[in-house]
């Protein structure tokens, strides 16, 4: 048996108490517990503890330290189970302490990967233009199990996906403005949408909405790129000059008929030998 000889407030950690005990063999020990255990177990000076009670209290005392560290971590934002485990490991809590903390938090519904995932998706929808596939990858990076993360798209209504993709695309058109042919610009923008997490069907729909921009942009880009090509090959003349410029523009993705039409106006004698 062990007897509680003293209970005092822990000055370093608010809400914790230091419990000192003396065992029958004269060995003195102490451990720190949270006030909720103190109240629940009705601990007081002079109370006798069986070896089983003492062992349980010591295990709980150890786990409660990790539990309250986890509560402080959750006070900033929600976390996945994996994130919580990594955090507690960095705080150098042992495996048993971490297990106790995580199981208790799960029981109290304070740690739940499904709830975390749903909140994560809602936050991304409200604060970003990321698509569901990118959000899915971020959930996996947060340690959310694949079977839960895979449901992320179900929480992202199709009409919202289209609207978010449209907003993102509007910001990215500057990357191709007056620089790319229609075909190349479309490829660049489609790739950006894919990297942002949007499915091909969504990309195709929003890209179809900017066809007029792509066509007008191609005219401006053709003129811009043609000027560059003509400066680059200015040492050539006649047919050779025209062919060099034409090849340059063709490899930039501009249609042959558009190239011929443009060059016929800018380069005299293009069809001459």
Protein backbone atom coordinates (compact mmCIF):
# COMPACT_ATOMS: atom_id res chain seq x y z
CA UNK A 1 0.00 0.00 0.00
CA UNK A 2 0.98 3.61 -0.48
CA UNK A 3 -0.22 6.65 1.42
CA UNK A 4 -0.62 10.17 0.09
CA UNK A 5 1.52 12.40 2.28
CA UNK A 6 1.08 15.71 0.52
CA UNK A 7 -0.83 17.37 -2.33
CA UNK A 8 0.31 20.77 -3.55
CA UNK A 9 -0.30 23.05 -6.50
CA UNK A 10 2.13 22.72 -9.35
CA UNK A 11 3.55 26.21 -9.77
CA UNK A 12 4.76 25.60 -13.31
CA UNK A 13 1.54 24.21 -14.79
CA UNK A 14 -1.80 25.74 -13.93
CA UNK A 15 -4.46 23.15 -13.17
CA UNK A 16 -1.95 20.48 -12.19
CA UNK A 17 -1.09 19.17 -8.74
CA UNK A 18 1.96 17.40 -7.37
CA UNK A 19 1.03 14.32 -5.35
CA UNK A 20 3.63 12.92 -2.94
CA UNK A 21 3.30 9.37 -1.62
CA UNK A 22 5.13 7.11 0.80
CA UNK A 23 5.13 3.35 0.22
CA UNK A 24 5.25 0.74 3.00
CA UNK A 25 8.92 0.05 2.31
CA UNK A 26 9.70 3.70 2.96
CA UNK A 27 10.21 4.69 -0.65
CA UNK A 28 8.85 8.15 -1.41
CA UNK A 29 7.55 9.09 -4.84
CA UNK A 30 5.74 11.97 -6.47
CA UNK A 31 3.82 12.49 -9.68
CA UNK A 32 1.90 15.30 -11.28
CA UNK A 33 -1.80 14.97 -12.07
CA UNK A 34 -4.44 17.25 -13.46
CA UNK A 35 -7.20 18.60 -11.25
CA UNK A 36 -9.87 16.55 -13.06
CA UNK A 37 -8.19 13.33 -11.87
CA UNK A 38 -7.75 14.78 -8.38
CA UNK A 39 -11.49 15.48 -8.16
CA UNK A 40 -12.61 12.27 -9.85
CA UNK A 41 -10.53 10.02 -7.60
CA UNK A 42 -11.23 12.13 -4.50
CA UNK A 43 -7.55 12.20 -3.68
CA UNK A 44 -6.56 13.68 -0.34
CA UNK A 45 -3.77 13.59 2.20
CA UNK A 46 -3.73 10.32 4.15
CA UNK A 47 -5.60 8.32 1.51
CA UNK A 48 -4.27 4.78 1.05
CA UNK A 49 -3.72 3.56 -2.50
CA UNK A 50 -3.50 -0.03 -3.68
CA UNK A 51 -0.70 -0.92 -6.10
CA UNK A 52 -3.32 -1.12 -8.85
CA UNK A 53 -4.71 2.34 -8.02
CA UNK A 54 -1.24 3.81 -7.84
CA UNK A 55 -0.23 2.31 -11.18
CA UNK A 56 -3.38 3.56 -12.85
CA UNK A 57 -2.95 7.06 -11.44
CA UNK A 58 0.65 7.23 -12.57
CA UNK A 59 -0.24 6.10 -16.08
CA UNK A 60 -3.10 8.57 -16.29
CA UNK A 61 -0.96 11.34 -14.84
CA UNK A 62 1.60 10.75 -17.52
CA UNK A 63 -1.01 10.63 -20.28
CA UNK A 64 -2.85 13.73 -19.07
CA UNK A 65 0.27 15.83 -19.61
CA UNK A 66 0.19 14.83 -23.27
CA UNK A 67 -3.58 15.30 -23.37
CA UNK A 68 -3.39 18.90 -22.19
CA UNK A 69 -0.51 19.64 -24.53
CA UNK A 70 -2.77 18.35 -27.30
CA UNK A 71 -5.62 20.58 -26.13
CA UNK A 72 -3.37 23.61 -26.36
CA UNK A 73 -2.38 22.55 -29.88
CA UNK A 74 -6.04 22.21 -30.86
CA UNK A 75 -6.81 25.68 -29.51
CA UNK A 76 -5.20 27.19 -32.62
CA UNK A 77 -7.02 25.09 -35.22
CA UNK A 78 -8.30 21.58 -35.89
CA UNK A 79 -5.75 18.86 -36.64
CA UNK A 80 -5.73 15.36 -38.05
CA UNK A 81 -4.82 12.39 -35.87
CA UNK A 82 -1.53 12.09 -37.72
CA UNK A 83 -0.65 15.76 -37.19
CA UNK A 84 -1.43 15.40 -33.49
CA UNK A 85 0.75 12.34 -33.13
CA UNK A 86 3.66 14.08 -34.87
CA UNK A 87 3.24 17.13 -32.64
CA UNK A 88 3.27 15.12 -29.42
CA UNK A 89 6.27 13.14 -30.61
CA UNK A 90 8.13 16.42 -31.20
CA UNK A 91 7.21 17.38 -27.65
CA UNK A 92 9.00 14.16 -26.61
CA UNK A 93 6.01 12.41 -25.10
CA UNK A 94 6.24 8.63 -24.98
CA UNK A 95 4.14 6.16 -26.96
CA UNK A 96 1.83 5.38 -24.01
CA UNK A 97 1.30 9.06 -23.26
CA UNK A 98 0.47 9.80 -26.89
CA UNK A 99 -1.87 6.83 -27.13
CA UNK A 100 -3.72 7.94 -24.00
CA UNK A 101 -4.05 11.52 -25.25
CA UNK A 102 -5.25 10.56 -28.73
CA UNK A 103 -7.75 7.98 -27.51
CA UNK A 104 -9.20 10.42 -24.99
CA UNK A 105 -9.47 13.18 -27.58
CA UNK A 106 -11.21 10.79 -29.96
CA UNK A 107 -13.63 9.73 -27.25
CA UNK A 108 -14.42 13.37 -26.49
CA UNK A 109 -14.94 14.06 -30.24
CA UNK A 110 -12.11 16.59 -30.24
CA UNK A 111 -10.03 14.59 -32.69
CA UNK A 112 -11.82 13.12 -35.68
CA UNK A 113 -10.33 12.78 -39.16
CA UNK A 114 -13.72 12.89 -40.90
CA UNK A 115 -14.70 16.12 -39.13
CA UNK A 116 -11.23 17.54 -39.78
CA UNK A 117 -11.42 16.69 -43.47
CA UNK A 118 -14.85 18.28 -43.88
CA UNK A 119 -13.67 21.45 -42.13
CA UNK A 120 -10.47 21.48 -44.19
CA UNK A 121 -12.42 21.29 -47.46
CA UNK A 122 -14.85 24.04 -46.39
CA UNK A 123 -11.95 26.31 -45.47
CA UNK A 124 -10.21 25.71 -48.80
CA UNK A 125 -13.44 26.44 -50.69
CA UNK A 126 -13.96 29.68 -48.77
CA UNK A 127 -10.38 30.97 -48.86
CA UNK A 128 -8.77 29.68 -52.07
CA UNK A 129 -9.32 28.71 -55.69
CA UNK A 130 -7.88 25.22 -55.25
CA UNK A 131 -9.63 22.37 -57.01
CA UNK A 132 -10.79 19.14 -55.35
CA UNK A 133 -7.86 17.04 -56.53
CA UNK A 134 -5.34 19.45 -55.01
CA UNK A 135 -7.35 19.57 -51.79
CA UNK A 136 -7.35 15.75 -51.80
CA UNK A 137 -3.55 15.73 -52.03
CA UNK A 138 -3.30 18.25 -49.20
CA UNK A 139 -5.51 16.07 -47.02
CA UNK A 140 -3.21 13.12 -47.63
CA UNK A 141 -0.24 15.30 -46.71
CA UNK A 142 -2.04 16.14 -43.46
CA UNK A 143 -2.19 12.44 -42.67
CA UNK A 144 -5.87 11.92 -43.37
CA UNK A 145 -6.54 8.31 -44.49
CA UNK A 146 -7.13 7.89 -48.21
CA UNK A 147 -10.65 6.51 -47.77
CA UNK A 148 -11.64 9.74 -45.98
CA UNK A 149 -9.67 12.12 -48.22
CA UNK A 150 -11.23 10.55 -51.31
CA UNK A 151 -14.60 11.96 -50.27
CA UNK A 152 -13.30 15.54 -50.49
CA UNK A 153 -14.78 16.09 -53.95
CA UNK A 154 -18.23 15.14 -52.67
CA UNK A 155 -18.03 18.16 -50.36
CA UNK A 156 -17.18 20.48 -53.25
CA UNK A 157 -20.34 21.21 -55.32
CA UNK A 158 -19.81 21.11 -59.08
CA UNK A 159 -21.07 24.66 -59.59
CA UNK A 160 -18.57 25.89 -57.01
CA UNK A 161 -15.77 24.03 -58.74
CA UNK A 162 -16.61 25.75 -62.03
CA UNK A 163 -16.81 29.17 -60.39
CA UNK A 164 -13.48 28.69 -58.58
CA UNK A 165 -11.81 27.39 -61.75
CA UNK A 166 -13.16 30.40 -63.65
CA UNK A 167 -11.70 32.82 -61.07
CA UNK A 168 -8.36 31.06 -61.10
CA UNK A 169 -8.23 31.04 -64.90
CA UNK A 170 -8.96 34.77 -65.06
CA UNK A 171 -5.82 35.43 -63.00
CA UNK A 172 -3.66 33.13 -65.15
CA UNK A 173 -4.45 34.54 -68.59
CA UNK A 174 -1.74 37.17 -68.07
CA UNK A 175 0.85 34.38 -68.32
CA UNK A 176 -0.05 33.84 -71.99
CA UNK A 177 -1.23 37.31 -72.97
CA UNK A 178 0.38 38.42 -76.25
CA UNK A 179 2.87 35.56 -75.97
CA UNK A 180 1.27 32.31 -77.07
CA UNK A 181 -0.67 30.91 -80.00
CA UNK A 182 -4.22 29.82 -79.32
CA UNK A 183 -3.21 26.14 -79.16
CA UNK A 184 -0.20 26.72 -76.94
CA UNK A 185 -2.04 29.15 -74.67
CA UNK A 186 -4.82 26.63 -74.22
CA UNK A 187 -2.30 23.91 -73.34
CA UNK A 188 -0.56 26.16 -70.81
CA UNK A 189 -3.81 27.18 -69.14
CA UNK A 190 -5.14 23.61 -69.13
CA UNK A 191 -1.94 22.46 -67.42
CA UNK A 192 -2.25 25.19 -64.79
CA UNK A 193 -5.85 24.17 -64.10
CA UNK A 194 -4.81 20.54 -63.75
CA UNK A 195 -2.03 21.48 -61.33
CA UNK A 196 -4.56 23.50 -59.37
CA UNK A 197 -6.60 20.35 -58.89
CA UNK A 198 -9.37 20.58 -61.47
CA UNK A 199 -10.64 17.67 -63.53
CA UNK A 200 -10.37 17.76 -67.31
CA UNK A 201 -14.11 18.27 -67.71
CA UNK A 202 -14.03 21.40 -65.54
CA UNK A 203 -10.98 22.73 -67.40
CA UNK A 204 -12.60 22.19 -70.78
CA UNK A 205 -15.73 24.03 -69.71
CA UNK A 206 -14.01 27.15 -68.40
CA UNK A 207 -11.52 27.24 -71.29
CA UNK A 208 -14.40 27.18 -73.75
CA UNK A 209 -15.62 30.39 -72.15
CA UNK A 210 -12.48 32.32 -73.16
CA UNK A 211 -12.34 31.30 -76.83
CA UNK A 212 -12.72 34.89 -77.97
CA UNK A 213 -9.83 35.97 -75.76
CA UNK A 214 -7.62 33.15 -77.08
CA UNK A 215 -8.34 34.06 -80.69
CA UNK A 216 -7.64 37.76 -80.20
CA UNK A 217 -4.61 36.95 -78.10
CA UNK A 218 -3.25 34.76 -80.90
CA UNK A 219 -3.34 37.68 -83.35
CA UNK A 220 -1.41 39.89 -80.96
CA UNK A 221 1.01 37.11 -80.07
CA UNK A 222 1.65 36.32 -83.74
CA UNK A 223 2.60 39.93 -84.40
CA UNK A 224 4.82 40.01 -81.33
CA UNK A 225 6.58 36.73 -82.11
CA UNK A 226 6.95 37.63 -85.80
CA UNK A 227 8.77 40.82 -84.87
CA UNK A 228 11.15 38.78 -82.72
CA UNK A 229 11.72 36.30 -85.52
CA UNK A 230 12.38 39.00 -88.10
CA UNK A 231 14.97 40.58 -85.85
CA UNK A 232 16.55 37.19 -85.21
CA UNK A 233 16.87 36.32 -88.93
CA UNK A 234 17.55 39.79 -90.31
CA UNK A 235 20.83 38.62 -91.85
CA UNK A 236 18.78 36.52 -94.29
CA UNK A 237 16.84 37.90 -97.21
CA UNK A 238 14.18 36.95 -99.72
CA UNK A 239 12.76 33.44 -99.64
CA UNK A 240 15.28 32.22 -97.04
CA UNK A 241 14.31 35.02 -94.68
CA UNK A 242 10.60 34.33 -95.10
CA UNK A 243 11.08 30.59 -94.59
CA UNK A 244 13.11 31.09 -91.42
CA UNK A 245 10.45 33.35 -89.94
CA UNK A 246 7.68 31.01 -91.02
CA UNK A 247 9.35 27.98 -89.41
CA UNK A 248 9.95 29.92 -86.22
CA UNK A 249 6.29 30.88 -85.94
CA UNK A 250 5.07 27.41 -86.88
CA UNK A 251 7.09 25.85 -84.07
CA UNK A 252 5.51 28.37 -81.70
CA UNK A 253 2.17 26.76 -82.49
CA UNK A 254 0.67 29.34 -84.85
CA UNK A 255 -1.53 28.05 -87.72
CA UNK A 256 0.07 28.09 -91.18
CA UNK A 257 -2.73 30.09 -92.76
CA UNK A 258 -2.43 32.77 -90.08
CA UNK A 259 1.35 32.85 -90.54
CA UNK A 260 1.08 33.15 -94.33
CA UNK A 261 -1.53 35.86 -94.09
CA UNK A 262 0.56 37.87 -91.66
CA UNK A 263 3.83 37.45 -93.55
CA UNK A 264 2.29 38.29 -96.93
CA UNK A 265 1.51 41.72 -95.54
CA UNK A 266 4.85 42.24 -93.86
CA UNK A 267 7.36 40.62 -96.21
CA UNK A 268 7.32 41.54 -99.87
CA UNK A 269 8.08 38.78 -102.30
CA UNK A 270 7.36 35.93 -99.86
CA UNK A 271 6.14 33.75 -102.70
CA UNK A 272 9.03 34.63 -104.96
CA UNK A 273 11.92 32.30 -105.45
